[in-house]
Protein backbone atom coordinates (compact mmCIF):
# COMPACT_ATOMS: atom_id res chain seq x y z
CA UNK A 1 0.00 0.00 0.00
CA UNK A 2 1.41 3.38 -1.00
CA UNK A 3 1.50 6.16 1.57
CA UNK A 4 -0.47 9.27 0.65
CA UNK A 5 1.63 12.36 -0.01
CA UNK A 6 0.92 15.66 1.75
CA UNK A 7 -0.45 17.07 -1.50
CA UNK A 8 -2.80 14.11 -1.93
CA UNK A 9 -4.14 14.57 1.59
CA UNK A 10 -4.63 18.30 1.09
CA UNK A 11 -6.29 17.66 -2.28
CA UNK A 12 -8.67 15.13 -0.70
CA UNK A 13 -9.60 17.67 1.98
CA UNK A 14 -10.07 20.43 -0.61
CA UNK A 15 -12.48 18.16 -2.50
CA UNK A 16 -14.51 18.03 0.72
CA UNK A 17 -14.32 21.83 0.98
CA UNK A 18 -11.85 21.80 3.87
CA UNK A 19 -8.41 23.17 4.60
CA UNK A 20 -5.97 21.61 7.06
CA UNK A 21 -6.82 24.36 9.51
CA UNK A 22 -10.57 23.77 9.18
CA UNK A 23 -10.12 20.00 9.51
CA UNK A 24 -7.99 20.51 12.63
CA UNK A 25 -10.64 22.76 14.18
CA UNK A 26 -13.42 20.26 13.37
CA UNK A 27 -11.54 17.48 15.15
CA UNK A 28 -10.26 19.65 18.04
CA UNK A 29 -6.59 19.35 17.07
CA UNK A 30 -4.00 22.10 16.88
CA UNK A 31 -3.27 23.16 13.31
CA UNK A 32 0.46 22.73 13.89
CA UNK A 33 -0.01 19.12 15.01
CA UNK A 34 -2.05 18.30 11.89
CA UNK A 35 0.42 20.06 9.61
CA UNK A 36 3.37 18.23 11.18
CA UNK A 37 1.60 14.87 10.89
CA UNK A 38 0.81 15.42 7.21
CA UNK A 39 4.38 16.48 6.46
CA UNK A 40 5.76 13.46 8.31
CA UNK A 41 7.36 15.37 11.16
CA UNK A 42 5.15 13.53 13.66
CA UNK A 43 5.52 9.80 13.22
CA UNK A 44 2.41 8.88 15.18
CA UNK A 45 4.02 6.64 17.77
CA UNK A 46 1.75 7.95 20.54
CA UNK A 47 -0.39 10.87 21.64
CA UNK A 48 -2.10 13.50 19.57
CA UNK A 49 0.12 12.96 16.53
CA UNK A 50 -0.99 9.33 16.42
CA UNK A 51 -4.67 10.29 16.66
CA UNK A 52 -4.27 12.78 13.80
CA UNK A 53 -2.53 10.24 11.56
CA UNK A 54 -5.21 7.62 12.26
CA UNK A 55 -8.06 10.03 11.45
CA UNK A 56 -6.37 11.11 8.23
CA UNK A 57 -5.76 7.49 7.23
CA UNK A 58 -1.99 7.75 7.40
CA UNK A 59 0.08 4.77 8.56
CA UNK A 60 1.24 4.72 12.18
CA UNK A 61 4.09 2.83 13.79
CA UNK A 62 2.86 0.12 16.14
PDB file of N, CA and C in Angstrom:
ATOM      1  N   UNK A   1       0.834  -1.177   0.000  1.00  0.00           N
ATOM      2  CA  UNK A   1       0.000   0.000   0.000  1.00  0.00           C
ATOM      3  C   UNK A   1       0.884   1.247   0.000  1.00  0.00           C
ATOM      4  N   UNK A   2       0.600   2.174  -0.875  1.00  0.00           N
ATOM      5  CA  UNK A   2       1.406   3.378  -0.997  1.00  0.00           C
ATOM      6  C   UNK A   2       0.907   4.454  -0.040  1.00  0.00           C
ATOM      7  N   UNK A   3       1.850   5.107   0.629  1.00  0.00           N
ATOM      8  CA  UNK A   3       1.497   6.161   1.569  1.00  0.00           C
ATOM      9  C   UNK A   3       1.067   7.405   0.803  1.00  0.00           C
ATOM     10  N   UNK A   4       0.008   8.046   1.275  1.00  0.00           N
ATOM     11  CA  UNK A   4      -0.471   9.275   0.647  1.00  0.00           C
ATOM     12  C   UNK A   4       0.542  10.393   0.879  1.00  0.00           C
ATOM     13  N   UNK A   5       0.733  11.214  -0.138  1.00  0.00           N
ATOM     14  CA  UNK A   5       1.634  12.355  -0.009  1.00  0.00           C
ATOM     15  C   UNK A   5       0.879  13.514   0.638  1.00  0.00           C
ATOM     16  N   UNK A   6       1.599  14.488   1.185  1.00  0.00           N
ATOM     17  CA  UNK A   6       0.923  15.656   1.755  1.00  0.00           C
ATOM     18  C   UNK A   6      -0.015  16.332   0.754  1.00  0.00           C
ATOM     19  N   UNK A   7       0.411  16.437  -0.499  1.00  0.00           N
ATOM     20  CA  UNK A   7      -0.446  17.074  -1.502  1.00  0.00           C
ATOM     21  C   UNK A   7      -1.714  16.270  -1.751  1.00  0.00           C
ATOM     22  N   UNK A   8      -1.619  14.945  -1.738  1.00  0.00           N
ATOM     23  CA  UNK A   8      -2.804  14.108  -1.931  1.00  0.00           C
ATOM     24  C   UNK A   8      -3.790  14.281  -0.781  1.00  0.00           C
ATOM     25  N   UNK A   9      -3.273  14.371   0.423  1.00  0.00           N
ATOM     26  CA  UNK A   9      -4.141  14.566   1.585  1.00  0.00           C
ATOM     27  C   UNK A   9      -4.822  15.923   1.504  1.00  0.00           C
ATOM     28  N   UNK A  10      -4.047  16.959   1.200  1.00  0.00           N
ATOM     29  CA  UNK A  10      -4.631  18.302   1.086  1.00  0.00           C
ATOM     30  C   UNK A  10      -5.643  18.362  -0.046  1.00  0.00           C
ATOM     31  N   UNK A  11      -5.359  17.683  -1.149  1.00  0.00           N
ATOM     32  CA  UNK A  11      -6.288  17.657  -2.281  1.00  0.00           C
ATOM     33  C   UNK A  11      -7.598  16.971  -1.879  1.00  0.00           C
ATOM     34  N   UNK A  12      -7.480  15.853  -1.168  1.00  0.00           N
ATOM     35  CA  UNK A  12      -8.674  15.132  -0.702  1.00  0.00           C
ATOM     36  C   UNK A  12      -9.520  16.014   0.218  1.00  0.00           C
ATOM     37  N   UNK A  13      -8.869  16.760   1.094  1.00  0.00           N
ATOM     38  CA  UNK A  13      -9.599  17.666   1.983  1.00  0.00           C
ATOM     39  C   UNK A  13     -10.240  18.803   1.197  1.00  0.00           C
ATOM     40  N   UNK A  14      -9.513  19.345   0.212  1.00  0.00           N
ATOM     41  CA  UNK A  14     -10.074  20.430  -0.609  1.00  0.00           C
ATOM     42  C   UNK A  14     -11.306  19.958  -1.363  1.00  0.00           C
ATOM     43  N   UNK A  15     -11.311  18.702  -1.816  1.00  0.00           N
ATOM     44  CA  UNK A  15     -12.481  18.160  -2.503  1.00  0.00           C
ATOM     45  C   UNK A  15     -13.691  18.131  -1.573  1.00  0.00           C
ATOM     46  N   UNK A  16     -13.441  18.023  -0.282  1.00  0.00           N
ATOM     47  CA  UNK A  16     -14.505  18.033   0.716  1.00  0.00           C
ATOM     48  C   UNK A  16     -14.810  19.454   1.183  1.00  0.00           C
ATOM     49  N   UNK A  17     -14.109  20.435   0.609  1.00  0.00           N
ATOM     50  CA  UNK A  17     -14.323  21.831   0.976  1.00  0.00           C
ATOM     51  C   UNK A  17     -13.635  22.233   2.262  1.00  0.00           C
ATOM     52  N   UNK A  18     -12.558  21.538   2.620  1.00  0.00           N
ATOM     53  CA  UNK A  18     -11.853  21.802   3.871  1.00  0.00           C
ATOM     54  C   UNK A  18     -10.393  22.160   3.627  1.00  0.00           C
ATOM     55  N   UNK A  19      -9.850  22.920   4.549  1.00  0.00           N
ATOM     56  CA  UNK A  19      -8.413  23.165   4.603  1.00  0.00           C
ATOM     57  C   UNK A  19      -7.866  22.368   5.786  1.00  0.00           C
ATOM     58  N   UNK A  20      -6.549  22.282   5.893  1.00  0.00           N
ATOM     59  CA  UNK A  20      -5.970  21.608   7.057  1.00  0.00           C
ATOM     60  C   UNK A  20      -6.411  22.295   8.346  1.00  0.00           C
ATOM     61  N   UNK A  21      -6.439  23.608   8.315  1.00  0.00           N
ATOM     62  CA  UNK A  21      -6.825  24.363   9.508  1.00  0.00           C
ATOM     63  C   UNK A  21      -8.273  24.087   9.894  1.00  0.00           C
ATOM     64  N   UNK A  22      -9.162  24.054   8.909  1.00  0.00           N
ATOM     65  CA  UNK A  22     -10.574  23.774   9.179  1.00  0.00           C
ATOM     66  C   UNK A  22     -10.750  22.343   9.688  1.00  0.00           C
ATOM     67  N   UNK A  23     -10.031  21.395   9.073  1.00  0.00           N
ATOM     68  CA  UNK A  23     -10.117  20.000   9.505  1.00  0.00           C
ATOM     69  C   UNK A  23      -9.633  19.872  10.944  1.00  0.00           C
ATOM     70  N   UNK A  24      -8.533  20.546  11.268  1.00  0.00           N
ATOM     71  CA  UNK A  24      -7.989  20.510  12.625  1.00  0.00           C
ATOM     72  C   UNK A  24      -9.007  21.055  13.620  1.00  0.00           C
ATOM     73  N   UNK A  25      -9.649  22.162  13.284  1.00  0.00           N
ATOM     74  CA  UNK A  25     -10.640  22.758  14.180  1.00  0.00           C
ATOM     75  C   UNK A  25     -11.842  21.827  14.364  1.00  0.00           C
ATOM     76  N   UNK A  26     -12.280  21.182  13.291  1.00  0.00           N
ATOM     77  CA  UNK A  26     -13.421  20.260  13.366  1.00  0.00           C
ATOM     78  C   UNK A  26     -13.151  19.090  14.307  1.00  0.00           C
ATOM     79  N   UNK A  27     -11.901  18.652  14.352  1.00  0.00           N
ATOM     80  CA  UNK A  27     -11.543  17.481  15.151  1.00  0.00           C
ATOM     81  C   UNK A  27     -10.829  17.857  16.450  1.00  0.00           C
ATOM     82  N   UNK A  28     -10.856  19.149  16.790  1.00  0.00           N
ATOM     83  CA  UNK A  28     -10.259  19.651  18.039  1.00  0.00           C
ATOM     84  C   UNK A  28      -8.771  19.335  18.178  1.00  0.00           C
ATOM     85  N   UNK A  29      -8.042  19.481  17.062  1.00  0.00           N
ATOM     86  CA  UNK A  29      -6.591  19.350  17.073  1.00  0.00           C
ATOM     87  C   UNK A  29      -5.982  20.711  16.794  1.00  0.00           C
ATOM     88  N   UNK A  30      -4.736  20.885  17.228  1.00  0.00           N
ATOM     89  CA  UNK A  30      -4.004  22.100  16.884  1.00  0.00           C
ATOM     90  C   UNK A  30      -3.582  22.007  15.421  1.00  0.00           C
ATOM     91  N   UNK A  31      -3.655  23.136  14.726  1.00  0.00           N
ATOM     92  CA  UNK A  31      -3.269  23.158  13.310  1.00  0.00           C
ATOM     93  C   UNK A  31      -1.837  22.667  13.134  1.00  0.00           C
ATOM     94  N   UNK A  32      -0.948  23.099  14.006  1.00  0.00           N
ATOM     95  CA  UNK A  32       0.465  22.731  13.892  1.00  0.00           C
ATOM     96  C   UNK A  32       0.659  21.212  13.986  1.00  0.00           C
ATOM     97  N   UNK A  33      -0.096  20.577  14.864  1.00  0.00           N
ATOM     98  CA  UNK A  33      -0.014  19.123  15.010  1.00  0.00           C
ATOM     99  C   UNK A  33      -0.446  18.427  13.728  1.00  0.00           C
ATOM    100  N   UNK A  34      -1.548  18.885  13.136  1.00  0.00           N
ATOM    101  CA  UNK A  34      -2.049  18.296  11.893  1.00  0.00           C
ATOM    102  C   UNK A  34      -1.051  18.522  10.767  1.00  0.00           C
ATOM    103  N   UNK A  35      -0.548  19.735  10.661  1.00  0.00           N
ATOM    104  CA  UNK A  35       0.417  20.061   9.612  1.00  0.00           C
ATOM    105  C   UNK A  35       1.674  19.198   9.740  1.00  0.00           C
ATOM    106  N   UNK A  36       2.174  19.056  10.951  1.00  0.00           N
ATOM    107  CA  UNK A  36       3.370  18.233  11.184  1.00  0.00           C
ATOM    108  C   UNK A  36       3.117  16.769  10.854  1.00  0.00           C
ATOM    109  N   UNK A  37       1.934  16.265  11.185  1.00  0.00           N
ATOM    110  CA  UNK A  37       1.600  14.866  10.893  1.00  0.00           C
ATOM    111  C   UNK A  37       1.528  14.633   9.390  1.00  0.00           C
ATOM    112  N   UNK A  38       0.929  15.559   8.673  1.00  0.00           N
ATOM    113  CA  UNK A  38       0.806  15.424   7.213  1.00  0.00           C
ATOM    114  C   UNK A  38       2.177  15.468   6.555  1.00  0.00           C
ATOM    115  N   UNK A  39       3.045  16.342   7.046  1.00  0.00           N
ATOM    116  CA  UNK A  39       4.377  16.478   6.456  1.00  0.00           C
ATOM    117  C   UNK A  39       5.342  15.392   6.907  1.00  0.00           C
ATOM    118  N   UNK A  40       4.915  14.549   7.859  1.00  0.00           N
ATOM    119  CA  UNK A  40       5.762  13.456   8.310  1.00  0.00           C
ATOM    120  C   UNK A  40       6.691  13.811   9.451  1.00  0.00           C
ATOM    121  N   UNK A  41       6.515  14.980  10.040  1.00  0.00           N
ATOM    122  CA  UNK A  41       7.363  15.371  11.162  1.00  0.00           C
ATOM    123  C   UNK A  41       6.919  14.704  12.457  1.00  0.00           C
ATOM    124  N   UNK A  42       5.660  14.312  12.522  1.00  0.00           N
ATOM    125  CA  UNK A  42       5.149  13.533  13.656  1.00  0.00           C
ATOM    126  C   UNK A  42       4.892  12.129  13.142  1.00  0.00           C
ATOM    127  N   UNK A  43       5.578  11.174  13.723  1.00  0.00           N
ATOM    128  CA  UNK A  43       5.521   9.805  13.225  1.00  0.00           C
ATOM    129  C   UNK A  43       4.297   9.041  13.707  1.00  0.00           C
ATOM    130  N   UNK A  44       3.621   9.543  14.719  1.00  0.00           N
ATOM    131  CA  UNK A  44       2.412   8.879  15.185  1.00  0.00           C
ATOM    132  C   UNK A  44       2.669   7.693  16.085  1.00  0.00           C
ATOM    133  N   UNK A  45       3.741   7.739  16.849  1.00  0.00           N
ATOM    134  CA  UNK A  45       4.023   6.643  17.771  1.00  0.00           C
ATOM    135  C   UNK A  45       3.066   6.645  18.955  1.00  0.00           C
ATOM    136  N   UNK A  46       2.658   7.827  19.392  1.00  0.00           N
ATOM    137  CA  UNK A  46       1.754   7.949  20.536  1.00  0.00           C
ATOM    138  C   UNK A  46       1.167   9.352  20.553  1.00  0.00           C
ATOM    139  N   UNK A  47       0.175   9.549  21.394  1.00  0.00           N
ATOM    140  CA  UNK A  47      -0.386  10.869  21.637  1.00  0.00           C
ATOM    141  C   UNK A  47      -1.213  11.447  20.510  1.00  0.00           C
ATOM    142  N   UNK A  48      -1.260  12.775  20.514  1.00  0.00           N
ATOM    143  CA  UNK A  48      -2.098  13.503  19.572  1.00  0.00           C
ATOM    144  C   UNK A  48      -1.666  13.287  18.123  1.00  0.00           C
ATOM    145  N   UNK A  49      -0.372  13.208  17.885  1.00  0.00           N
ATOM    146  CA  UNK A  49       0.118  12.962  16.530  1.00  0.00           C
ATOM    147  C   UNK A  49      -0.395  11.641  15.979  1.00  0.00           C
ATOM    148  N   UNK A  50      -0.468  10.639  16.831  1.00  0.00           N
ATOM    149  CA  UNK A  50      -0.991   9.329  16.419  1.00  0.00           C
ATOM    150  C   UNK A  50      -2.472   9.433  16.067  1.00  0.00           C
ATOM    151  N   UNK A  51      -3.236  10.124  16.910  1.00  0.00           N
ATOM    152  CA  UNK A  51      -4.670  10.291  16.655  1.00  0.00           C
ATOM    153  C   UNK A  51      -4.910  11.000  15.326  1.00  0.00           C
ATOM    154  N   UNK A  52      -4.129  12.032  15.052  1.00  0.00           N
ATOM    155  CA  UNK A  52      -4.268  12.776  13.796  1.00  0.00           C
ATOM    156  C   UNK A  52      -3.990  11.858  12.617  1.00  0.00           C
ATOM    157  N   UNK A  53      -2.897  11.127  12.675  1.00  0.00           N
ATOM    158  CA  UNK A  53      -2.530  10.238  11.562  1.00  0.00           C
ATOM    159  C   UNK A  53      -3.594   9.164  11.338  1.00  0.00           C
ATOM    160  N   UNK A  54      -4.161   8.626  12.401  1.00  0.00           N
ATOM    161  CA  UNK A  54      -5.213   7.618  12.262  1.00  0.00           C
ATOM    162  C   UNK A  54      -6.454   8.206  11.597  1.00  0.00           C
ATOM    163  N   UNK A  55      -6.860   9.403  12.027  1.00  0.00           N
ATOM    164  CA  UNK A  55      -8.058  10.027  11.455  1.00  0.00           C
ATOM    165  C   UNK A  55      -7.868  10.409   9.995  1.00  0.00           C
ATOM    166  N   UNK A  56      -6.638  10.749   9.619  1.00  0.00           N
ATOM    167  CA  UNK A  56      -6.367  11.105   8.225  1.00  0.00           C
ATOM    168  C   UNK A  56      -6.114   9.871   7.360  1.00  0.00           C
ATOM    169  N   UNK A  57      -6.005   8.714   7.990  1.00  0.00           N
ATOM    170  CA  UNK A  57      -5.760   7.492   7.230  1.00  0.00           C
ATOM    171  C   UNK A  57      -4.302   7.280   6.879  1.00  0.00           C
ATOM    172  N   UNK A  58      -3.420   7.923   7.621  1.00  0.00           N
ATOM    173  CA  UNK A  58      -1.985   7.747   7.405  1.00  0.00           C
ATOM    174  C   UNK A  58      -1.483   6.572   8.237  1.00  0.00           C
ATOM    175  N   UNK A  59      -0.439   5.902   7.786  1.00  0.00           N
ATOM    176  CA  UNK A  59       0.081   4.774   8.561  1.00  0.00           C
ATOM    177  C   UNK A  59       0.727   5.252   9.861  1.00  0.00           C
ATOM    178  N   UNK A  60       0.605   4.436  10.892  1.00  0.00           N
ATOM    179  CA  UNK A  60       1.236   4.724  12.180  1.00  0.00           C
ATOM    180  C   UNK A  60       2.160   3.568  12.526  1.00  0.00           C
ATOM    181  N   UNK A  61       3.152   3.863  13.349  1.00  0.00           N
ATOM    182  CA  UNK A  61       4.094   2.833  13.795  1.00  0.00           C
ATOM    183  C   UNK A  61       3.533   2.158  15.035  1.00  0.00           C
ATOM    184  N   UNK A  62       3.389   0.849  14.975  1.00  0.00           N
ATOM    185  CA  UNK A  62       2.861   0.121  16.144  1.00  0.00           C
ATOM    186  C   UNK A  62       3.953  -0.452  16.980  1.00  0.00           C
TER     187      UNK A  62
END
